[in-house]
Amino acid sequence: MDRENVMSIGDRLRYARGDRSQAEVAEAVGLTTMAISKLETDQMKPSYETMQKLAIYFGLSVDRLFF
């Protein structure tokens, strides 16, 4: 697979968030807006529990969203 076309976790989270605000997502999954920002900029890696919460919120599987 061409590495230039591989999306980072942060890229996938931003894409999944769409036009929702970081604050909206953060509140829905029990995180801070800063945590969402750090996840979206790949400054922080999510715990498995956070992966599960975000996947459920976005209606995706953990594998689809994070791997």
PDB file of N, CA and C in Angstrom:
ATOM      1  N   MET A   1       0.845  -1.181   0.000  1.00  0.00           N
ATOM      2  CA  MET A   1       0.000   0.000   0.000  1.00  0.00           C
ATOM      3  C   MET A   1       0.894   1.249   0.000  1.00  0.00           C
ATOM      4  N   ASP A   2       0.509   2.246  -0.722  1.00  0.00           N
ATOM      5  CA  ASP A   2       1.264   3.494  -0.830  1.00  0.00           C
ATOM      6  C   ASP A   2       1.116   4.300   0.458  1.00  0.00           C
ATOM      7  N   ARG A   3       2.244   4.536   1.156  1.00  0.00           N
ATOM      8  CA  ARG A   3       2.209   5.228   2.453  1.00  0.00           C
ATOM      9  C   ARG A   3       1.645   6.635   2.345  1.00  0.00           C
ATOM     10  N   GLU A   4       1.747   7.283   1.196  1.00  0.00           N
ATOM     11  CA  GLU A   4       1.220   8.638   1.044  1.00  0.00           C
ATOM     12  C   GLU A   4      -0.299   8.667   1.141  1.00  0.00           C
ATOM     13  N   ASN A   5      -0.937   7.551   0.866  1.00  0.00           N
ATOM     14  CA  ASN A   5      -2.397   7.488   0.891  1.00  0.00           C
ATOM     15  C   ASN A   5      -2.956   6.933   2.195  1.00  0.00           C
ATOM     16  N   VAL A   6      -2.089   6.628   3.152  1.00  0.00           N
ATOM     17  CA  VAL A   6      -2.528   6.080   4.431  1.00  0.00           C
ATOM     18  C   VAL A   6      -2.887   7.241   5.368  1.00  0.00           C
ATOM     19  N   MET A   7      -4.098   7.200   5.891  1.00  0.00           N
ATOM     20  CA  MET A   7      -4.541   8.246   6.812  1.00  0.00           C
ATOM     21  C   MET A   7      -4.084   7.908   8.229  1.00  0.00           C
ATOM     22  N   SER A   8      -3.641   8.921   8.958  1.00  0.00           N
ATOM     23  CA  SER A   8      -3.295   8.728  10.363  1.00  0.00           C
ATOM     24  C   SER A   8      -4.585   8.593  11.174  1.00  0.00           C
ATOM     25  N   ILE A   9      -4.439   8.200  12.432  1.00  0.00           N
ATOM     26  CA  ILE A   9      -5.606   8.135  13.318  1.00  0.00           C
ATOM     27  C   ILE A   9      -6.259   9.511  13.410  1.00  0.00           C
ATOM     28  N   GLY A  10      -5.445  10.535  13.559  1.00  0.00           N
ATOM     29  CA  GLY A  10      -5.979  11.893  13.632  1.00  0.00           C
ATOM     30  C   GLY A  10      -6.769  12.274  12.394  1.00  0.00           C
ATOM     31  N   ASP A  11      -6.242  11.921  11.219  1.00  0.00           N
ATOM     32  CA  ASP A  11      -6.951  12.204   9.966  1.00  0.00           C
ATOM     33  C   ASP A  11      -8.305  11.499   9.937  1.00  0.00           C
ATOM     34  N   ARG A  12      -8.320  10.235  10.357  1.00  0.00           N
ATOM     35  CA  ARG A  12      -9.578   9.469  10.351  1.00  0.00           C
ATOM     36  C   ARG A  12     -10.585  10.054  11.348  1.00  0.00           C
ATOM     37  N   LEU A  13     -10.091  10.501  12.503  1.00  0.00           N
ATOM     38  CA  LEU A  13     -10.993  11.102  13.486  1.00  0.00           C
ATOM     39  C   LEU A  13     -11.580  12.418  12.974  1.00  0.00           C
ATOM     40  N   ARG A  14     -10.742  13.256  12.363  1.00  0.00           N
ATOM     41  CA  ARG A  14     -11.243  14.517  11.800  1.00  0.00           C
ATOM     42  C   ARG A  14     -12.270  14.245  10.716  1.00  0.00           C
ATOM     43  N   TYR A  15     -11.994  13.252   9.873  1.00  0.00           N
ATOM     44  CA  TYR A  15     -12.923  12.903   8.799  1.00  0.00           C
ATOM     45  C   TYR A  15     -14.254  12.406   9.380  1.00  0.00           C
ATOM     46  N   ALA A  16     -14.180  11.526  10.380  1.00  0.00           N
ATOM     47  CA  ALA A  16     -15.394  10.989  11.003  1.00  0.00           C
ATOM     48  C   ALA A  16     -16.196  12.088  11.695  1.00  0.00           C
ATOM     49  N   ARG A  17     -15.484  13.054  12.285  1.00  0.00           N
ATOM     50  CA  ARG A  17     -16.166  14.147  13.001  1.00  0.00           C
ATOM     51  C   ARG A  17     -16.977  15.015  12.049  1.00  0.00           C
ATOM     52  N   GLY A  18     -16.506  15.156  10.819  1.00  0.00           N
ATOM     53  CA  GLY A  18     -17.239  15.950   9.834  1.00  0.00           C
ATOM     54  C   GLY A  18     -17.417  17.379  10.298  1.00  0.00           C
ATOM     55  N   ASP A  19     -18.669  17.841  10.296  1.00  0.00           N
ATOM     56  CA  ASP A  19     -18.928  19.234  10.692  1.00  0.00           C
ATOM     57  C   ASP A  19     -19.352  19.368  12.152  1.00  0.00           C
ATOM     58  N   ARG A  20     -19.218  18.295  12.919  1.00  0.00           N
ATOM     59  CA  ARG A  20     -19.452  18.389  14.364  1.00  0.00           C
ATOM     60  C   ARG A  20     -18.266  19.092  15.014  1.00  0.00           C
ATOM     61  N   SER A  21     -18.497  19.797  16.085  1.00  0.00           N
ATOM     62  CA  SER A  21     -17.399  20.467  16.784  1.00  0.00           C
ATOM     63  C   SER A  21     -16.647  19.461  17.657  1.00  0.00           C
ATOM     64  N   GLN A  22     -15.401  19.800  17.950  1.00  0.00           N
ATOM     65  CA  GLN A  22     -14.626  18.978  18.878  1.00  0.00           C
ATOM     66  C   GLN A  22     -15.315  18.935  20.230  1.00  0.00           C
ATOM     67  N   ALA A  23     -15.913  20.043  20.649  1.00  0.00           N
ATOM     68  CA  ALA A  23     -16.605  20.096  21.942  1.00  0.00           C
ATOM     69  C   ALA A  23     -17.789  19.139  21.965  1.00  0.00           C
ATOM     70  N   GLU A  24     -18.520  19.051  20.860  1.00  0.00           N
ATOM     71  CA  GLU A  24     -19.679  18.147  20.786  1.00  0.00           C
ATOM     72  C   GLU A  24     -19.236  16.695  20.934  1.00  0.00           C
ATOM     73  N   VAL A  25     -18.189  16.329  20.221  1.00  0.00           N
ATOM     74  CA  VAL A  25     -17.673  14.957  20.304  1.00  0.00           C
ATOM     75  C   VAL A  25     -17.126  14.680  21.700  1.00  0.00           C
ATOM     76  N   ALA A  26     -16.357  15.626  22.228  1.00  0.00           N
ATOM     77  CA  ALA A  26     -15.764  15.459  23.556  1.00  0.00           C
ATOM     78  C   ALA A  26     -16.831  15.216  24.618  1.00  0.00           C
ATOM     79  N   GLU A  27     -17.874  16.026  24.587  1.00  0.00           N
ATOM     80  CA  GLU A  27     -18.944  15.876  25.580  1.00  0.00           C
ATOM     81  C   GLU A  27     -19.639  14.527  25.438  1.00  0.00           C
ATOM     82  N   ALA A  28     -19.857  14.100  24.210  1.00  0.00           N
ATOM     83  CA  ALA A  28     -20.578  12.848  23.965  1.00  0.00           C
ATOM     84  C   ALA A  28     -19.809  11.622  24.448  1.00  0.00           C
ATOM     85  N   VAL A  29     -18.483  11.693  24.401  1.00  0.00           N
ATOM     86  CA  VAL A  29     -17.693  10.517  24.778  1.00  0.00           C
ATOM     87  C   VAL A  29     -16.945  10.676  26.094  1.00  0.00           C
ATOM     88  N   GLY A  30     -17.152  11.784  26.783  1.00  0.00           N
ATOM     89  CA  GLY A  30     -16.561  11.961  28.112  1.00  0.00           C
ATOM     90  C   GLY A  30     -15.096  12.354  28.105  1.00  0.00           C
ATOM     91  N   LEU A  31     -14.687  13.092  27.081  1.00  0.00           N
ATOM     92  CA  LEU A  31     -13.315  13.591  27.008  1.00  0.00           C
ATOM     93  C   LEU A  31     -13.332  15.113  27.034  1.00  0.00           C
ATOM     94  N   THR A  32     -12.158  15.705  27.147  1.00  0.00           N
ATOM     95  CA  THR A  32     -12.059  17.160  27.037  1.00  0.00           C
ATOM     96  C   THR A  32     -11.862  17.537  25.571  1.00  0.00           C
ATOM     97  N   THR A  33     -12.165  18.778  25.271  1.00  0.00           N
ATOM     98  CA  THR A  33     -11.923  19.280  23.919  1.00  0.00           C
ATOM     99  C   THR A  33     -10.433  19.191  23.598  1.00  0.00           C
ATOM    100  N   MET A  34      -9.580  19.455  24.575  1.00  0.00           N
ATOM    101  CA  MET A  34      -8.134  19.358  24.373  1.00  0.00           C
ATOM    102  C   MET A  34      -7.726  17.936  24.016  1.00  0.00           C
ATOM    103  N   ALA A  35      -8.332  16.955  24.646  1.00  0.00           N
ATOM    104  CA  ALA A  35      -8.009  15.559  24.326  1.00  0.00           C
ATOM    105  C   ALA A  35      -8.391  15.235  22.886  1.00  0.00           C
ATOM    106  N   ILE A  36      -9.560  15.681  22.449  1.00  0.00           N
ATOM    107  CA  ILE A  36      -9.976  15.458  21.059  1.00  0.00           C
ATOM    108  C   ILE A  36      -8.993  16.134  20.114  1.00  0.00           C
ATOM    109  N   SER A  37      -8.595  17.353  20.435  1.00  0.00           N
ATOM    110  CA  SER A  37      -7.632  18.071  19.610  1.00  0.00           C
ATOM    111  C   SER A  37      -6.312  17.302  19.517  1.00  0.00           C
ATOM    112  N   LYS A  38      -5.831  16.799  20.643  1.00  0.00           N
ATOM    113  CA  LYS A  38      -4.566  16.056  20.644  1.00  0.00           C
ATOM    114  C   LYS A  38      -4.686  14.744  19.874  1.00  0.00           C
ATOM    115  N   LEU A  39      -5.832  14.085  19.967  1.00  0.00           N
ATOM    116  CA  LEU A  39      -6.048  12.862  19.189  1.00  0.00           C
ATOM    117  C   LEU A  39      -6.052  13.180  17.694  1.00  0.00           C
ATOM    118  N   GLU A  40      -6.714  14.267  17.313  1.00  0.00           N
ATOM    119  CA  GLU A  40      -6.837  14.628  15.900  1.00  0.00           C
ATOM    120  C   GLU A  40      -5.517  15.113  15.299  1.00  0.00           C
ATOM    121  N   THR A  41      -4.599  15.552  16.126  1.00  0.00           N
ATOM    122  CA  THR A  41      -3.299  16.011  15.626  1.00  0.00           C
ATOM    123  C   THR A  41      -2.202  14.986  15.916  1.00  0.00           C
ATOM    124  N   ASP A  42      -2.605  13.794  16.300  1.00  0.00           N
ATOM    125  CA  ASP A  42      -1.687  12.682  16.567  1.00  0.00           C
ATOM    126  C   ASP A  42      -0.658  12.998  17.645  1.00  0.00           C
ATOM    127  N   GLN A  43      -1.017  13.850  18.580  1.00  0.00           N
ATOM    128  CA  GLN A  43      -0.151  14.160  19.714  1.00  0.00           C
ATOM    129  C   GLN A  43      -0.417  13.229  20.887  1.00  0.00           C
ATOM    130  N   MET A  44      -1.504  12.458  20.792  1.00  0.00           N
ATOM    131  CA  MET A  44      -1.902  11.545  21.859  1.00  0.00           C
ATOM    132  C   MET A  44      -2.515  10.311  21.215  1.00  0.00           C
ATOM    133  N   LYS A  45      -2.213   9.159  21.760  1.00  0.00           N
ATOM    134  CA  LYS A  45      -2.803   7.911  21.283  1.00  0.00           C
ATOM    135  C   LYS A  45      -3.972   7.545  22.188  1.00  0.00           C
ATOM    136  N   PRO A  46      -5.090   7.113  21.618  1.00  0.00           N
ATOM    137  CA  PRO A  46      -6.261   6.784  22.436  1.00  0.00           C
ATOM    138  C   PRO A  46      -6.100   5.449  23.159  1.00  0.00           C
ATOM    139  N   SER A  47      -6.679   5.387  24.341  1.00  0.00           N
ATOM    140  CA  SER A  47      -6.762   4.103  25.040  1.00  0.00           C
ATOM    141  C   SER A  47      -7.799   3.251  24.311  1.00  0.00           C
ATOM    142  N   TYR A  48      -7.817   1.952  24.608  1.00  0.00           N
ATOM    143  CA  TYR A  48      -8.808   1.100  23.958  1.00  0.00           C
ATOM    144  C   TYR A  48     -10.222   1.529  24.349  1.00  0.00           C
ATOM    145  N   GLU A  49     -10.401   1.934  25.592  1.00  0.00           N
ATOM    146  CA  GLU A  49     -11.725   2.408  26.036  1.00  0.00           C
ATOM    147  C   GLU A  49     -12.157   3.634  25.228  1.00  0.00           C
ATOM    148  N   THR A  50     -11.242   4.548  24.987  1.00  0.00           N
ATOM    149  CA  THR A  50     -11.553   5.738  24.190  1.00  0.00           C
ATOM    150  C   THR A  50     -11.861   5.344  22.755  1.00  0.00           C
ATOM    151  N   MET A  51     -11.095   4.394  22.219  1.00  0.00           N
ATOM    152  CA  MET A  51     -11.372   3.910  20.861  1.00  0.00           C
ATOM    153  C   MET A  51     -12.795   3.376  20.767  1.00  0.00           C
ATOM    154  N   GLN A  52     -13.194   2.593  21.760  1.00  0.00           N
ATOM    155  CA  GLN A  52     -14.542   2.021  21.762  1.00  0.00           C
ATOM    156  C   GLN A  52     -15.606   3.116  21.812  1.00  0.00           C
ATOM    157  N   LYS A  53     -15.426   4.090  22.696  1.00  0.00           N
ATOM    158  CA  LYS A  53     -16.406   5.175  22.832  1.00  0.00           C
ATOM    159  C   LYS A  53     -16.533   5.972  21.540  1.00  0.00           C
ATOM    160  N   LEU A  54     -15.408   6.292  20.923  1.00  0.00           N
ATOM    161  CA  LEU A  54     -15.445   7.070  19.680  1.00  0.00           C
ATOM    162  C   LEU A  54     -16.057   6.257  18.546  1.00  0.00           C
ATOM    163  N   ALA A  55     -15.710   4.990  18.452  1.00  0.00           N
ATOM    164  CA  ALA A  55     -16.275   4.142  17.404  1.00  0.00           C
ATOM    165  C   ALA A  55     -17.787   4.044  17.539  1.00  0.00           C
ATOM    166  N   ILE A  56     -18.262   3.849  18.746  1.00  0.00           N
ATOM    167  CA  ILE A  56     -19.713   3.784  18.975  1.00  0.00           C
ATOM    168  C   ILE A  56     -20.358   5.106  18.605  1.00  0.00           C
ATOM    169  N   TYR A  57     -19.763   6.209  19.048  1.00  0.00           N
ATOM    170  CA  TYR A  57     -20.316   7.531  18.757  1.00  0.00           C
ATOM    171  C   TYR A  57     -20.422   7.779  17.255  1.00  0.00           C
ATOM    172  N   PHE A  58     -19.396   7.393  16.500  1.00  0.00           N
ATOM    173  CA  PHE A  58     -19.397   7.626  15.058  1.00  0.00           C
ATOM    174  C   PHE A  58     -20.106   6.524  14.273  1.00  0.00           C
ATOM    175  N   GLY A  59     -20.542   5.471  14.967  1.00  0.00           N
ATOM    176  CA  GLY A  59     -21.253   4.389  14.291  1.00  0.00           C
ATOM    177  C   GLY A  59     -20.334   3.540  13.419  1.00  0.00           C
ATOM    178  N   LEU A  60     -19.085   3.392  13.846  1.00  0.00           N
ATOM    179  CA  LEU A  60     -18.097   2.612  13.108  1.00  0.00           C
ATOM    180  C   LEU A  60     -17.503   1.543  14.017  1.00  0.00           C
ATOM    181  N   SER A  61     -16.878   0.552  13.412  1.00  0.00           N
ATOM    182  CA  SER A  61     -16.161  -0.429  14.227  1.00  0.00           C
ATOM    183  C   SER A  61     -14.823   0.182  14.653  1.00  0.00           C
ATOM    184  N   VAL A  62     -14.268  -0.344  15.729  1.00  0.00           N
ATOM    185  CA  VAL A  62     -12.951   0.104  16.179  1.00  0.00           C
ATOM    186  C   VAL A  62     -11.934  -0.130  15.057  1.00  0.00           C
ATOM    187  N   ASP A  63     -12.008  -1.278  14.414  1.00  0.00           N
ATOM    188  CA  ASP A  63     -11.069  -1.576  13.319  1.00  0.00           C
ATOM    189  C   ASP A  63     -11.190  -0.561  12.195  1.00  0.00           C
ATOM    190  N   ARG A  64     -12.386  -0.223  11.814  1.00  0.00           N
ATOM    191  CA  ARG A  64     -12.594   0.713  10.709  1.00  0.00           C
ATOM    192  C   ARG A  64     -12.060   2.108  11.050  1.00  0.00           C
ATOM    193  N   LEU A  65     -12.274   2.540  12.275  1.00  0.00           N
ATOM    194  CA  LEU A  65     -11.883   3.896  12.668  1.00  0.00           C
ATOM    195  C   LEU A  65     -10.396   4.021  12.979  1.00  0.00           C
ATOM    196  N   PHE A  66      -9.804   2.984  13.567  1.00  0.00           N
ATOM    197  CA  PHE A  66      -8.441   3.141  14.092  1.00  0.00           C
ATOM    198  C   PHE A  66      -7.371   2.300  13.409  1.00  0.00           C
ATOM    199  N   PHE A  67      -7.740   1.325  12.584  1.00  0.00           N
ATOM    200  CA  PHE A  67      -6.694   0.461  12.016  1.00  0.00           C
ATOM    201  C   PHE A  67      -6.780   0.331  10.517  1.00  0.00           C
TER     202      PHE A  67
END
